[in-house]
């Protein structure tokens, strides 16, 4: 009797990553890379027309990033599992992916054996987090009041919008005019964002936007 293959789509801006994963998993018959999507939007379109069991999801995707794509995927295709596959390991990325429905987080530098273990764990309905990502989360909690029991609040749509505007070098006054709120409100948002993301300057907020391919 033939083994049922786990059909996988790789969501990554670089097609070379998908090709590399296809080669790495080629001798493991239970897994099959059936497609590649370079953007979150392209991924959702592919899922609407293809039978897929799991998505290997990069956090940094142009346009709709991996976190937002995971949220929409979880809403529209609840039976499709997501395993984050990224070089980014900061606490906000790991926690946000898990909050939005990912079943695990594996770093791109993981060995073939670890990647295989992560895929199998996720398909069994378990969680899998690479040691490097786990250590990053534990380190991140040293600088935040959020607890290790998983309580973590992701960014709101308004907060993401403000970060985008900050990354575009808009001043507090300009952002307040664009969003029709007071300057004091924008200042409060900046302070809250720095606390949520564990950064200490505007440069940290800009880096966050760059990492997620928002600009």
N, C-alpha and C. Protein backbone atom coordinates (compact mmCIF):
# COMPACT_ATOMS: atom_id res chain seq x y z
N UNK A 1 0.85 -1.19 0.00
CA UNK A 1 0.00 0.00 0.00
C UNK A 1 0.88 1.24 0.00
N UNK A 2 0.61 2.18 -0.90
CA UNK A 2 1.42 3.38 -1.01
C UNK A 2 1.21 4.28 0.20
N UNK A 3 2.32 4.90 0.64
CA UNK A 3 2.26 5.85 1.74
C UNK A 3 1.65 7.16 1.26
N UNK A 4 0.75 7.73 2.06
CA UNK A 4 0.17 9.02 1.71
C UNK A 4 1.21 10.10 1.93
N UNK A 5 1.48 10.84 0.89
CA UNK A 5 2.50 11.89 0.97
C UNK A 5 1.92 13.14 1.61
N UNK A 6 2.77 13.83 2.36
CA UNK A 6 2.42 15.16 2.88
C UNK A 6 2.79 16.16 1.80
N UNK A 7 1.80 16.85 1.26
CA UNK A 7 2.03 17.81 0.18
C UNK A 7 2.34 19.19 0.76
N UNK A 8 3.46 19.75 0.32
CA UNK A 8 3.98 20.98 0.92
C UNK A 8 4.15 22.08 -0.12
N UNK A 9 3.74 23.30 0.25
CA UNK A 9 4.05 24.49 -0.54
C UNK A 9 5.07 25.31 0.25
N UNK A 10 6.09 25.80 -0.43
CA UNK A 10 7.09 26.65 0.19
C UNK A 10 6.72 28.11 -0.11
N UNK A 11 6.51 28.89 0.94
CA UNK A 11 6.23 30.32 0.78
C UNK A 11 7.49 31.08 1.13
N UNK A 12 8.17 31.56 0.11
CA UNK A 12 9.46 32.24 0.29
C UNK A 12 9.70 33.14 -0.90
N UNK A 13 10.25 34.32 -0.66
CA UNK A 13 10.49 35.26 -1.76
C UNK A 13 11.48 34.69 -2.78
N UNK A 14 12.34 33.78 -2.35
CA UNK A 14 13.35 33.22 -3.22
C UNK A 14 12.96 31.82 -3.71
N UNK A 15 12.81 31.66 -5.01
CA UNK A 15 12.48 30.34 -5.56
C UNK A 15 13.61 29.35 -5.30
N UNK A 16 14.83 29.86 -5.18
CA UNK A 16 15.98 28.99 -4.92
C UNK A 16 15.81 28.23 -3.60
N UNK A 17 15.14 28.86 -2.63
CA UNK A 17 14.90 28.19 -1.35
C UNK A 17 14.00 26.98 -1.55
N UNK A 18 12.96 27.16 -2.34
CA UNK A 18 12.05 26.04 -2.62
C UNK A 18 12.78 24.92 -3.34
N UNK A 19 13.63 25.27 -4.29
CA UNK A 19 14.39 24.26 -5.02
C UNK A 19 15.32 23.50 -4.09
N UNK A 20 15.95 24.24 -3.16
CA UNK A 20 16.85 23.61 -2.21
C UNK A 20 16.11 22.65 -1.28
N UNK A 21 14.92 23.07 -0.82
CA UNK A 21 14.13 22.21 0.05
C UNK A 21 13.65 20.97 -0.70
N UNK A 22 13.28 21.14 -1.95
CA UNK A 22 12.84 19.99 -2.75
C UNK A 22 13.98 18.97 -2.87
N UNK A 23 15.20 19.48 -3.06
CA UNK A 23 16.36 18.58 -3.18
C UNK A 23 16.66 17.90 -1.83
N UNK A 24 16.55 18.65 -0.73
CA UNK A 24 16.85 18.10 0.59
C UNK A 24 15.87 17.00 0.99
N UNK A 25 14.62 17.15 0.57
CA UNK A 25 13.59 16.19 0.97
C UNK A 25 13.31 15.12 -0.09
N UNK A 26 14.09 15.15 -1.16
CA UNK A 26 13.79 14.27 -2.30
C UNK A 26 13.87 12.78 -1.96
N UNK A 27 14.70 12.42 -0.97
CA UNK A 27 14.85 11.01 -0.63
C UNK A 27 14.00 10.61 0.58
N UNK A 28 13.07 11.49 0.98
CA UNK A 28 12.15 11.17 2.08
C UNK A 28 10.76 11.05 1.46
N UNK A 29 10.30 9.84 1.19
CA UNK A 29 9.09 9.62 0.39
C UNK A 29 7.80 10.17 0.98
N UNK A 30 7.77 10.43 2.29
CA UNK A 30 6.51 10.89 2.89
C UNK A 30 6.24 12.36 2.62
N UNK A 31 7.25 13.12 2.14
CA UNK A 31 7.07 14.54 1.89
C UNK A 31 7.25 14.86 0.41
N UNK A 32 6.44 15.77 -0.07
CA UNK A 32 6.54 16.18 -1.48
C UNK A 32 6.31 17.69 -1.59
N UNK A 33 7.31 18.40 -2.11
CA UNK A 33 7.15 19.84 -2.38
C UNK A 33 6.36 19.98 -3.67
N UNK A 34 5.15 20.50 -3.57
CA UNK A 34 4.28 20.56 -4.75
C UNK A 34 4.16 21.96 -5.33
N UNK A 35 4.79 22.95 -4.68
CA UNK A 35 4.68 24.29 -5.23
C UNK A 35 5.48 25.32 -4.46
N UNK A 36 5.57 26.50 -5.05
CA UNK A 36 6.30 27.62 -4.45
C UNK A 36 5.48 28.88 -4.63
N UNK A 37 5.39 29.70 -3.58
CA UNK A 37 4.71 30.99 -3.66
C UNK A 37 5.67 32.05 -3.15
N UNK A 38 5.90 33.09 -3.93
CA UNK A 38 6.87 34.11 -3.55
C UNK A 38 6.26 35.24 -2.72
N UNK A 39 4.93 35.28 -2.61
CA UNK A 39 4.26 36.29 -1.80
C UNK A 39 3.11 35.64 -1.02
N UNK A 40 2.65 36.34 0.01
CA UNK A 40 1.51 35.83 0.76
C UNK A 40 0.25 35.76 -0.08
N UNK A 41 0.07 36.76 -0.93
CA UNK A 41 -1.11 36.78 -1.81
C UNK A 41 -1.09 35.60 -2.77
N UNK A 42 0.07 35.33 -3.35
CA UNK A 42 0.20 34.20 -4.27
C UNK A 42 -0.05 32.88 -3.55
N UNK A 43 0.37 32.80 -2.29
CA UNK A 43 0.15 31.59 -1.51
C UNK A 43 -1.34 31.31 -1.33
N UNK A 44 -2.10 32.32 -0.95
CA UNK A 44 -3.53 32.13 -0.72
C UNK A 44 -4.25 31.72 -2.01
N UNK A 45 -3.82 32.27 -3.13
CA UNK A 45 -4.41 31.90 -4.41
C UNK A 45 -4.09 30.44 -4.73
N UNK A 46 -2.86 30.02 -4.45
CA UNK A 46 -2.46 28.63 -4.73
C UNK A 46 -3.24 27.65 -3.86
N UNK A 47 -3.46 28.01 -2.61
CA UNK A 47 -4.18 27.13 -1.70
C UNK A 47 -5.64 26.95 -2.11
N UNK A 48 -6.17 27.95 -2.81
CA UNK A 48 -7.57 27.88 -3.24
C UNK A 48 -7.76 26.89 -4.38
N UNK A 49 -6.67 26.52 -5.05
CA UNK A 49 -6.80 25.65 -6.23
C UNK A 49 -5.99 24.36 -6.13
N UNK A 50 -5.20 24.20 -5.07
CA UNK A 50 -4.37 23.01 -4.94
C UNK A 50 -4.60 22.33 -3.59
N UNK A 51 -4.49 21.01 -3.58
CA UNK A 51 -4.60 20.25 -2.35
C UNK A 51 -3.25 20.27 -1.65
N UNK A 52 -3.19 20.89 -0.48
CA UNK A 52 -1.94 21.05 0.26
C UNK A 52 -2.16 20.68 1.72
N UNK A 53 -1.16 20.04 2.32
CA UNK A 53 -1.25 19.66 3.73
C UNK A 53 -0.51 20.63 4.64
N UNK A 54 0.58 21.20 4.13
CA UNK A 54 1.44 22.02 4.99
C UNK A 54 2.13 23.11 4.18
N UNK A 55 2.35 24.25 4.82
CA UNK A 55 3.09 25.36 4.21
C UNK A 55 4.33 25.62 5.03
N UNK A 56 5.48 25.64 4.37
CA UNK A 56 6.72 26.10 5.00
C UNK A 56 6.78 27.60 4.75
N UNK A 57 6.63 28.39 5.80
CA UNK A 57 6.36 29.82 5.67
C UNK A 57 7.53 30.68 6.16
N UNK A 58 8.05 31.49 5.25
CA UNK A 58 9.03 32.51 5.62
C UNK A 58 8.30 33.71 6.22
N UNK A 59 8.86 34.29 7.28
CA UNK A 59 8.23 35.47 7.90
C UNK A 59 8.30 36.66 6.96
N UNK A 60 9.45 36.86 6.33
CA UNK A 60 9.65 38.01 5.44
C UNK A 60 9.19 37.68 4.03
N UNK A 61 8.01 38.17 3.69
CA UNK A 61 7.50 38.04 2.33
C UNK A 61 7.11 39.43 1.85
N UNK A 62 7.34 39.75 0.58
CA UNK A 62 6.95 41.07 0.08
C UNK A 62 5.44 41.25 0.06
N UNK A 63 4.99 42.46 0.34
CA UNK A 63 3.55 42.71 0.38
C UNK A 63 2.97 42.18 1.66
N UNK A 64 2.14 41.17 1.58
CA UNK A 64 1.59 40.50 2.76
C UNK A 64 2.66 39.59 3.35
N UNK A 65 3.14 39.91 4.54
CA UNK A 65 4.23 39.12 5.11
C UNK A 65 3.74 37.77 5.64
N UNK A 66 4.68 36.97 6.12
CA UNK A 66 4.34 35.63 6.55
C UNK A 66 3.40 35.57 7.74
N UNK A 67 3.50 36.56 8.62
CA UNK A 67 2.62 36.58 9.79
C UNK A 67 1.18 36.85 9.37
N UNK A 68 0.98 37.87 8.55
CA UNK A 68 -0.37 38.17 8.07
C UNK A 68 -0.91 37.05 7.18
N UNK A 69 -0.02 36.46 6.38
CA UNK A 69 -0.44 35.35 5.51
C UNK A 69 -0.87 34.15 6.35
N UNK A 70 -0.17 33.90 7.45
CA UNK A 70 -0.54 32.78 8.32
C UNK A 70 -1.90 33.03 8.95
N UNK A 71 -2.15 34.27 9.35
CA UNK A 71 -3.46 34.60 9.93
C UNK A 71 -4.58 34.32 8.93
N UNK A 72 -4.43 34.81 7.71
CA UNK A 72 -5.47 34.62 6.69
C UNK A 72 -5.60 33.15 6.29
N UNK A 73 -4.46 32.46 6.20
CA UNK A 73 -4.49 31.03 5.87
C UNK A 73 -5.26 30.26 6.94
N UNK A 74 -4.99 30.57 8.20
CA UNK A 74 -5.65 29.87 9.29
C UNK A 74 -7.16 30.10 9.26
N UNK A 75 -7.57 31.29 8.83
CA UNK A 75 -9.00 31.60 8.74
C UNK A 75 -9.65 30.90 7.55
N UNK A 76 -8.96 30.89 6.40
CA UNK A 76 -9.56 30.38 5.17
C UNK A 76 -9.33 28.89 4.95
N UNK A 77 -8.20 28.38 5.43
CA UNK A 77 -7.84 26.97 5.21
C UNK A 77 -7.39 26.35 6.53
N UNK A 78 -8.30 26.18 7.48
CA UNK A 78 -7.94 25.73 8.83
C UNK A 78 -7.29 24.34 8.89
N UNK A 79 -7.46 23.54 7.85
CA UNK A 79 -6.87 22.20 7.86
C UNK A 79 -5.42 22.17 7.35
N UNK A 80 -4.97 23.29 6.79
CA UNK A 80 -3.60 23.37 6.30
C UNK A 80 -2.68 23.81 7.44
N UNK A 81 -1.65 23.01 7.70
CA UNK A 81 -0.73 23.33 8.78
C UNK A 81 0.37 24.27 8.29
N UNK A 82 0.92 25.06 9.22
CA UNK A 82 2.00 26.00 8.89
C UNK A 82 3.19 25.73 9.79
N UNK A 83 4.35 25.60 9.16
CA UNK A 83 5.61 25.52 9.88
C UNK A 83 6.46 26.70 9.44
N UNK A 84 6.72 27.64 10.35
CA UNK A 84 7.56 28.78 10.01
C UNK A 84 8.96 28.30 9.68
N UNK A 85 9.56 28.90 8.64
CA UNK A 85 10.89 28.50 8.16
C UNK A 85 11.63 29.78 7.82
N UNK A 86 12.44 30.27 8.76
CA UNK A 86 12.97 31.63 8.61
C UNK A 86 14.34 31.78 9.26
N UNK A 87 15.06 32.82 8.84
CA UNK A 87 16.32 33.18 9.51
C UNK A 87 16.04 34.09 10.70
N UNK A 88 14.84 34.67 10.77
CA UNK A 88 14.49 35.58 11.85
C UNK A 88 14.07 34.78 13.09
N UNK A 89 14.65 35.11 14.24
CA UNK A 89 14.34 34.35 15.45
C UNK A 89 13.94 35.24 16.63
N UNK A 90 13.79 36.55 16.41
CA UNK A 90 13.42 37.45 17.51
C UNK A 90 12.08 37.04 18.10
N UNK A 91 11.90 37.35 19.36
CA UNK A 91 10.72 36.93 20.10
C UNK A 91 9.42 37.32 19.39
N UNK A 92 9.36 38.53 18.82
CA UNK A 92 8.10 38.98 18.22
C UNK A 92 7.72 38.13 17.03
N UNK A 93 8.71 37.72 16.22
CA UNK A 93 8.42 36.91 15.05
C UNK A 93 7.95 35.51 15.45
N UNK A 94 8.67 34.90 16.36
CA UNK A 94 8.32 33.54 16.78
C UNK A 94 6.93 33.53 17.41
N UNK A 95 6.72 34.41 18.38
CA UNK A 95 5.42 34.44 19.06
C UNK A 95 4.28 34.80 18.13
N UNK A 96 4.50 35.78 17.25
CA UNK A 96 3.44 36.20 16.34
C UNK A 96 3.04 35.07 15.39
N UNK A 97 4.02 34.32 14.89
CA UNK A 97 3.69 33.20 14.01
C UNK A 97 2.87 32.15 14.75
N UNK A 98 3.24 31.86 15.99
CA UNK A 98 2.50 30.86 16.76
C UNK A 98 1.10 31.36 17.10
N UNK A 99 1.00 32.63 17.45
CA UNK A 99 -0.31 33.21 17.77
C UNK A 99 -1.24 33.14 16.57
N UNK A 100 -0.70 33.37 15.38
CA UNK A 100 -1.54 33.42 14.18
C UNK A 100 -1.85 32.05 13.60
N UNK A 101 -1.35 30.98 14.23
CA UNK A 101 -1.77 29.65 13.80
C UNK A 101 -0.67 28.72 13.34
N UNK A 102 0.59 29.17 13.33
CA UNK A 102 1.68 28.26 12.96
C UNK A 102 1.83 27.17 14.01
N UNK A 103 2.18 25.97 13.57
CA UNK A 103 2.36 24.85 14.49
C UNK A 103 3.80 24.68 14.93
N UNK A 104 4.68 25.51 14.39
CA UNK A 104 6.08 25.39 14.78
C UNK A 104 6.93 26.45 14.11
N UNK A 105 8.20 26.47 14.51
CA UNK A 105 9.14 27.47 13.99
C UNK A 105 10.51 26.81 13.88
N UNK A 106 11.00 26.68 12.66
CA UNK A 106 12.31 26.07 12.44
C UNK A 106 13.18 27.06 11.67
N UNK A 107 14.45 27.17 12.08
CA UNK A 107 15.34 28.12 11.43
C UNK A 107 15.87 27.53 10.13
N UNK A 108 16.21 28.41 9.19
CA UNK A 108 16.67 27.93 7.88
C UNK A 108 18.00 27.20 7.96
N UNK A 109 18.76 27.47 9.01
CA UNK A 109 20.06 26.79 9.15
C UNK A 109 19.92 25.39 9.75
N UNK A 110 18.70 24.97 10.03
CA UNK A 110 18.49 23.65 10.62
C UNK A 110 18.99 22.55 9.70
N UNK A 111 19.44 21.48 10.31
CA UNK A 111 19.90 20.34 9.53
C UNK A 111 18.72 19.66 8.85
N UNK A 112 19.03 18.81 7.89
CA UNK A 112 17.98 18.03 7.22
C UNK A 112 17.23 17.17 8.23
N UNK A 113 17.97 16.63 9.19
CA UNK A 113 17.36 15.76 10.20
C UNK A 113 16.38 16.55 11.07
N UNK A 114 16.77 17.78 11.45
CA UNK A 114 15.87 18.58 12.29
C UNK A 114 14.65 19.03 11.50
N UNK A 115 14.85 19.44 10.25
CA UNK A 115 13.72 19.84 9.42
C UNK A 115 12.73 18.69 9.28
N UNK A 116 13.24 17.50 9.03
CA UNK A 116 12.38 16.33 8.91
C UNK A 116 11.63 16.06 10.20
N UNK A 117 12.34 16.17 11.32
CA UNK A 117 11.71 15.97 12.63
C UNK A 117 10.60 16.99 12.86
N UNK A 118 10.86 18.25 12.48
CA UNK A 118 9.87 19.31 12.66
C UNK A 118 8.63 19.05 11.81
N UNK A 119 8.83 18.67 10.57
CA UNK A 119 7.71 18.38 9.68
C UNK A 119 6.86 17.23 10.22
N UNK A 120 7.52 16.19 10.67
CA UNK A 120 6.78 15.03 11.19
C UNK A 120 6.01 15.40 12.45
N UNK A 121 6.63 16.19 13.32
CA UNK A 121 5.97 16.60 14.57
C UNK A 121 4.71 17.41 14.27
N UNK A 122 4.85 18.36 13.36
CA UNK A 122 3.70 19.21 13.01
C UNK A 122 2.57 18.38 12.40
N UNK A 123 2.91 17.44 11.55
CA UNK A 123 1.89 16.60 10.92
C UNK A 123 1.23 15.65 11.92
N UNK A 124 1.92 15.39 13.05
CA UNK A 124 1.30 14.57 14.11
C UNK A 124 0.41 15.42 15.02
N UNK A 125 0.37 16.72 14.75
CA UNK A 125 -0.44 17.60 15.57
C UNK A 125 0.32 18.18 16.76
N UNK A 126 1.64 18.08 16.73
CA UNK A 126 2.46 18.59 17.83
C UNK A 126 3.07 19.94 17.46
N UNK A 127 3.64 20.60 18.45
CA UNK A 127 4.38 21.85 18.23
C UNK A 127 5.87 21.54 18.12
N UNK A 128 6.56 22.32 17.28
CA UNK A 128 8.02 22.15 17.19
C UNK A 128 8.66 23.54 17.07
N UNK A 129 9.59 23.84 17.96
CA UNK A 129 10.32 25.11 17.90
C UNK A 129 11.81 24.81 17.97
N UNK A 130 12.55 25.27 16.98
CA UNK A 130 14.00 25.06 16.96
C UNK A 130 14.63 25.63 18.22
N UNK A 131 15.70 25.01 18.68
CA UNK A 131 16.37 25.45 19.89
C UNK A 131 16.82 26.90 19.79
N UNK A 132 17.31 27.31 18.63
CA UNK A 132 17.77 28.68 18.44
C UNK A 132 16.62 29.68 18.62
N UNK A 133 15.46 29.35 18.07
CA UNK A 133 14.29 30.21 18.22
C UNK A 133 13.81 30.21 19.66
N UNK A 134 13.83 29.04 20.30
CA UNK A 134 13.39 28.95 21.70
C UNK A 134 14.27 29.80 22.61
N UNK A 135 15.59 29.74 22.41
CA UNK A 135 16.51 30.54 23.23
C UNK A 135 16.28 32.02 23.01
N UNK A 136 16.01 32.41 21.76
CA UNK A 136 15.75 33.81 21.47
C UNK A 136 14.50 34.31 22.20
N UNK A 137 13.48 33.46 22.24
CA UNK A 137 12.24 33.84 22.96
C UNK A 137 12.53 33.98 24.45
N UNK A 138 13.26 33.02 25.02
CA UNK A 138 13.57 33.08 26.44
C UNK A 138 14.40 34.32 26.77
N UNK A 139 15.34 34.66 25.91
CA UNK A 139 16.15 35.86 26.11
C UNK A 139 15.29 37.11 26.01
N UNK A 140 14.37 37.10 25.06
CA UNK A 140 13.50 38.26 24.87
C UNK A 140 12.62 38.53 26.07
N UNK A 141 12.21 37.49 26.76
CA UNK A 141 11.34 37.67 27.92
C UNK A 141 12.07 38.32 29.10
N UNK A 142 13.37 38.41 29.03
CA UNK A 142 14.12 39.09 30.08
C UNK A 142 13.82 40.59 30.07
N UNK A 143 13.39 41.11 28.93
CA UNK A 143 13.21 42.55 28.79
C UNK A 143 11.74 42.94 28.63
N UNK A 144 10.85 42.05 29.00
CA UNK A 144 9.43 42.36 28.85
C UNK A 144 8.65 41.80 30.03
N UNK A 145 7.50 42.36 30.29
CA UNK A 145 6.65 41.88 31.37
C UNK A 145 5.83 40.66 30.94
N UNK A 146 5.84 40.34 29.65
CA UNK A 146 5.04 39.21 29.16
C UNK A 146 5.62 37.90 29.70
N UNK A 147 4.76 36.94 29.96
CA UNK A 147 5.16 35.73 30.65
C UNK A 147 5.50 34.60 29.68
N UNK A 148 6.23 33.62 30.19
CA UNK A 148 6.63 32.48 29.38
C UNK A 148 5.49 31.48 29.18
N UNK A 149 4.28 31.78 29.70
CA UNK A 149 3.17 30.84 29.51
C UNK A 149 2.52 31.03 28.15
N UNK A 150 3.11 31.89 27.32
CA UNK A 150 2.59 32.07 25.97
C UNK A 150 1.75 33.31 25.79
N UNK A 151 1.48 34.04 26.90
CA UNK A 151 0.68 35.25 26.76
C UNK A 151 1.50 36.31 26.04
N UNK A 152 1.05 36.69 24.88
CA UNK A 152 1.77 37.69 24.09
C UNK A 152 0.80 38.34 23.14
N UNK A 153 0.77 39.63 23.12
CA UNK A 153 -0.17 40.35 22.28
C UNK A 153 0.55 40.81 21.02
N UNK A 154 0.07 40.39 19.87
CA UNK A 154 0.66 40.82 18.61
C UNK A 154 0.29 42.26 18.30
N UNK A 155 0.80 42.77 17.21
CA UNK A 155 0.53 44.15 16.83
C UNK A 155 -0.87 44.28 16.24
N UNK A 156 -1.51 45.40 16.52
CA UNK A 156 -2.80 45.70 15.92
C UNK A 156 -2.60 46.25 14.52
N UNK A 157 -3.67 46.33 13.75
CA UNK A 157 -3.59 46.88 12.40
C UNK A 157 -3.11 48.33 12.45
N UNK A 158 -3.58 49.11 13.44
CA UNK A 158 -3.15 50.50 13.57
C UNK A 158 -1.68 50.59 13.92
N UNK A 159 -1.19 49.71 14.78
CA UNK A 159 0.22 49.72 15.13
C UNK A 159 1.10 49.37 13.94
N UNK A 160 0.67 48.41 13.13
CA UNK A 160 1.44 48.07 11.93
C UNK A 160 1.48 49.26 10.96
N UNK A 161 0.36 49.96 10.87
CA UNK A 161 0.30 51.14 9.99
C UNK A 161 1.25 52.22 10.47
N UNK A 162 1.32 52.43 11.77
CA UNK A 162 2.20 53.45 12.33
C UNK A 162 3.66 53.09 12.09
N UNK A 163 4.01 51.81 12.25
CA UNK A 163 5.39 51.40 11.99
C UNK A 163 5.76 51.66 10.53
N UNK A 164 4.85 51.35 9.62
CA UNK A 164 5.13 51.61 8.21
C UNK A 164 5.41 53.09 7.97
N UNK A 165 4.63 53.95 8.59
CA UNK A 165 4.81 55.39 8.41
C UNK A 165 6.12 55.87 9.05
N UNK A 166 6.46 55.31 10.21
CA UNK A 166 7.73 55.64 10.84
C UNK A 166 8.89 55.24 9.94
N UNK A 167 8.77 54.06 9.34
CA UNK A 167 9.83 53.56 8.46
C UNK A 167 9.96 54.42 7.21
N UNK A 168 8.88 55.11 6.84
CA UNK A 168 8.91 56.03 5.69
C UNK A 168 9.38 57.43 6.11
N UNK A 169 9.92 57.53 7.33
CA UNK A 169 10.51 58.76 7.87
C UNK A 169 9.49 59.87 8.11
N UNK A 170 8.26 59.47 8.41
CA UNK A 170 7.25 60.47 8.76
C UNK A 170 7.43 60.89 10.22
N UNK A 171 7.23 62.18 10.51
CA UNK A 171 7.34 62.67 11.88
C UNK A 171 6.04 62.36 12.64
N UNK A 172 6.09 62.55 13.95
CA UNK A 172 4.88 62.35 14.75
C UNK A 172 3.75 63.24 14.26
N UNK A 173 4.08 64.48 13.93
CA UNK A 173 3.07 65.42 13.45
C UNK A 173 2.47 64.97 12.12
N UNK A 174 3.32 64.48 11.22
CA UNK A 174 2.83 64.02 9.92
C UNK A 174 1.96 62.77 10.07
N UNK A 175 2.36 61.87 10.95
CA UNK A 175 1.58 60.64 11.16
C UNK A 175 0.22 60.98 11.78
N UNK A 176 0.22 61.91 12.73
CA UNK A 176 -1.05 62.30 13.36
C UNK A 176 -2.01 62.89 12.34
N UNK A 177 -1.47 63.67 11.38
CA UNK A 177 -2.31 64.27 10.34
C UNK A 177 -2.85 63.21 9.39
N UNK A 178 -2.02 62.24 9.06
CA UNK A 178 -2.43 61.18 8.14
C UNK A 178 -3.52 60.30 8.75
N UNK A 179 -3.37 60.02 10.05
CA UNK A 179 -4.28 59.08 10.72
C UNK A 179 -5.41 59.79 11.48
N UNK A 180 -5.40 61.12 11.46
CA UNK A 180 -6.45 61.91 12.12
C UNK A 180 -6.54 61.62 13.61
N UNK A 181 -5.39 61.56 14.26
CA UNK A 181 -5.34 61.41 15.71
C UNK A 181 -4.35 62.44 16.25
N UNK A 182 -4.32 62.61 17.57
CA UNK A 182 -3.45 63.62 18.16
C UNK A 182 -1.99 63.18 18.15
N UNK A 183 -1.10 64.15 18.26
CA UNK A 183 0.33 63.86 18.33
C UNK A 183 0.63 63.04 19.58
N UNK A 184 -0.04 63.36 20.68
CA UNK A 184 0.17 62.61 21.92
C UNK A 184 -0.19 61.13 21.74
N UNK A 185 -1.25 60.88 20.96
CA UNK A 185 -1.64 59.49 20.70
C UNK A 185 -0.54 58.75 19.95
N UNK A 186 0.06 59.41 18.97
CA UNK A 186 1.15 58.80 18.20
C UNK A 186 2.35 58.55 19.10
N UNK A 187 2.65 59.48 19.99
CA UNK A 187 3.77 59.29 20.92
C UNK A 187 3.52 58.08 21.82
N UNK A 188 2.27 57.93 22.26
CA UNK A 188 1.92 56.78 23.10
C UNK A 188 2.07 55.48 22.33
N UNK A 189 1.62 55.50 21.06
CA UNK A 189 1.79 54.31 20.22
C UNK A 189 3.26 53.95 20.06
N UNK A 190 4.12 54.95 19.84
CA UNK A 190 5.55 54.69 19.69
C UNK A 190 6.11 54.00 20.93
N UNK A 191 5.73 54.53 22.10
CA UNK A 191 6.22 53.96 23.36
C UNK A 191 5.74 52.52 23.52
N UNK A 192 4.47 52.28 23.22
CA UNK A 192 3.92 50.93 23.35
C UNK A 192 4.56 49.97 22.36
N UNK A 193 4.83 50.45 21.15
CA UNK A 193 5.47 49.60 20.14
C UNK A 193 6.88 49.20 20.56
N UNK A 194 7.63 50.14 21.11
CA UNK A 194 8.98 49.81 21.55
C UNK A 194 8.95 48.78 22.67
N UNK A 195 7.94 48.87 23.53
CA UNK A 195 7.80 47.89 24.60
C UNK A 195 7.43 46.51 24.04
N UNK A 196 6.48 46.49 23.13
CA UNK A 196 6.05 45.21 22.55
C UNK A 196 7.17 44.52 21.80
N UNK A 197 7.95 45.32 21.07
CA UNK A 197 8.98 44.73 20.20
C UNK A 197 10.35 44.66 20.87
N UNK A 198 10.42 45.12 22.13
CA UNK A 198 11.69 45.07 22.86
C UNK A 198 12.80 45.82 22.14
N UNK A 199 12.47 47.00 21.60
CA UNK A 199 13.49 47.85 20.97
C UNK A 199 13.55 49.16 21.73
N UNK A 200 14.67 49.86 21.57
CA UNK A 200 14.90 51.05 22.38
C UNK A 200 14.97 52.34 21.57
N UNK A 201 14.76 52.25 20.26
CA UNK A 201 14.87 53.45 19.44
C UNK A 201 14.02 53.31 18.19
N UNK A 202 13.88 54.42 17.47
CA UNK A 202 13.16 54.41 16.20
C UNK A 202 13.84 53.47 15.20
N UNK A 203 15.16 53.39 15.29
CA UNK A 203 15.90 52.50 14.37
C UNK A 203 15.43 51.06 14.52
N UNK A 204 15.09 50.66 15.75
CA UNK A 204 14.59 49.31 15.96
C UNK A 204 13.25 49.09 15.30
N UNK A 205 12.39 50.10 15.32
CA UNK A 205 11.10 50.00 14.65
C UNK A 205 11.28 49.91 13.13
N UNK A 206 12.22 50.70 12.61
CA UNK A 206 12.49 50.67 11.17
C UNK A 206 13.03 49.30 10.76
N UNK A 207 13.93 48.74 11.56
CA UNK A 207 14.48 47.42 11.26
C UNK A 207 13.37 46.37 11.23
N UNK A 208 12.42 46.50 12.15
CA UNK A 208 11.29 45.57 12.19
C UNK A 208 10.53 45.63 10.86
N UNK A 209 10.28 46.84 10.36
CA UNK A 209 9.56 46.99 9.09
C UNK A 209 10.37 46.43 7.93
N UNK A 210 11.68 46.64 7.96
CA UNK A 210 12.54 46.13 6.89
C UNK A 210 12.58 44.61 6.91
N UNK A 211 12.70 44.01 8.12
CA UNK A 211 12.74 42.56 8.24
C UNK A 211 11.48 41.91 7.68
N UNK A 212 10.36 42.59 7.82
CA UNK A 212 9.09 42.03 7.34
C UNK A 212 8.76 42.47 5.91
N UNK A 213 9.74 43.11 5.26
CA UNK A 213 9.58 43.54 3.85
C UNK A 213 8.41 44.51 3.67
N UNK A 214 8.19 45.35 4.69
CA UNK A 214 7.11 46.35 4.58
C UNK A 214 7.55 47.55 3.75
N UNK A 215 8.87 47.76 3.67
CA UNK A 215 9.40 48.89 2.89
C UNK A 215 10.57 48.39 2.06
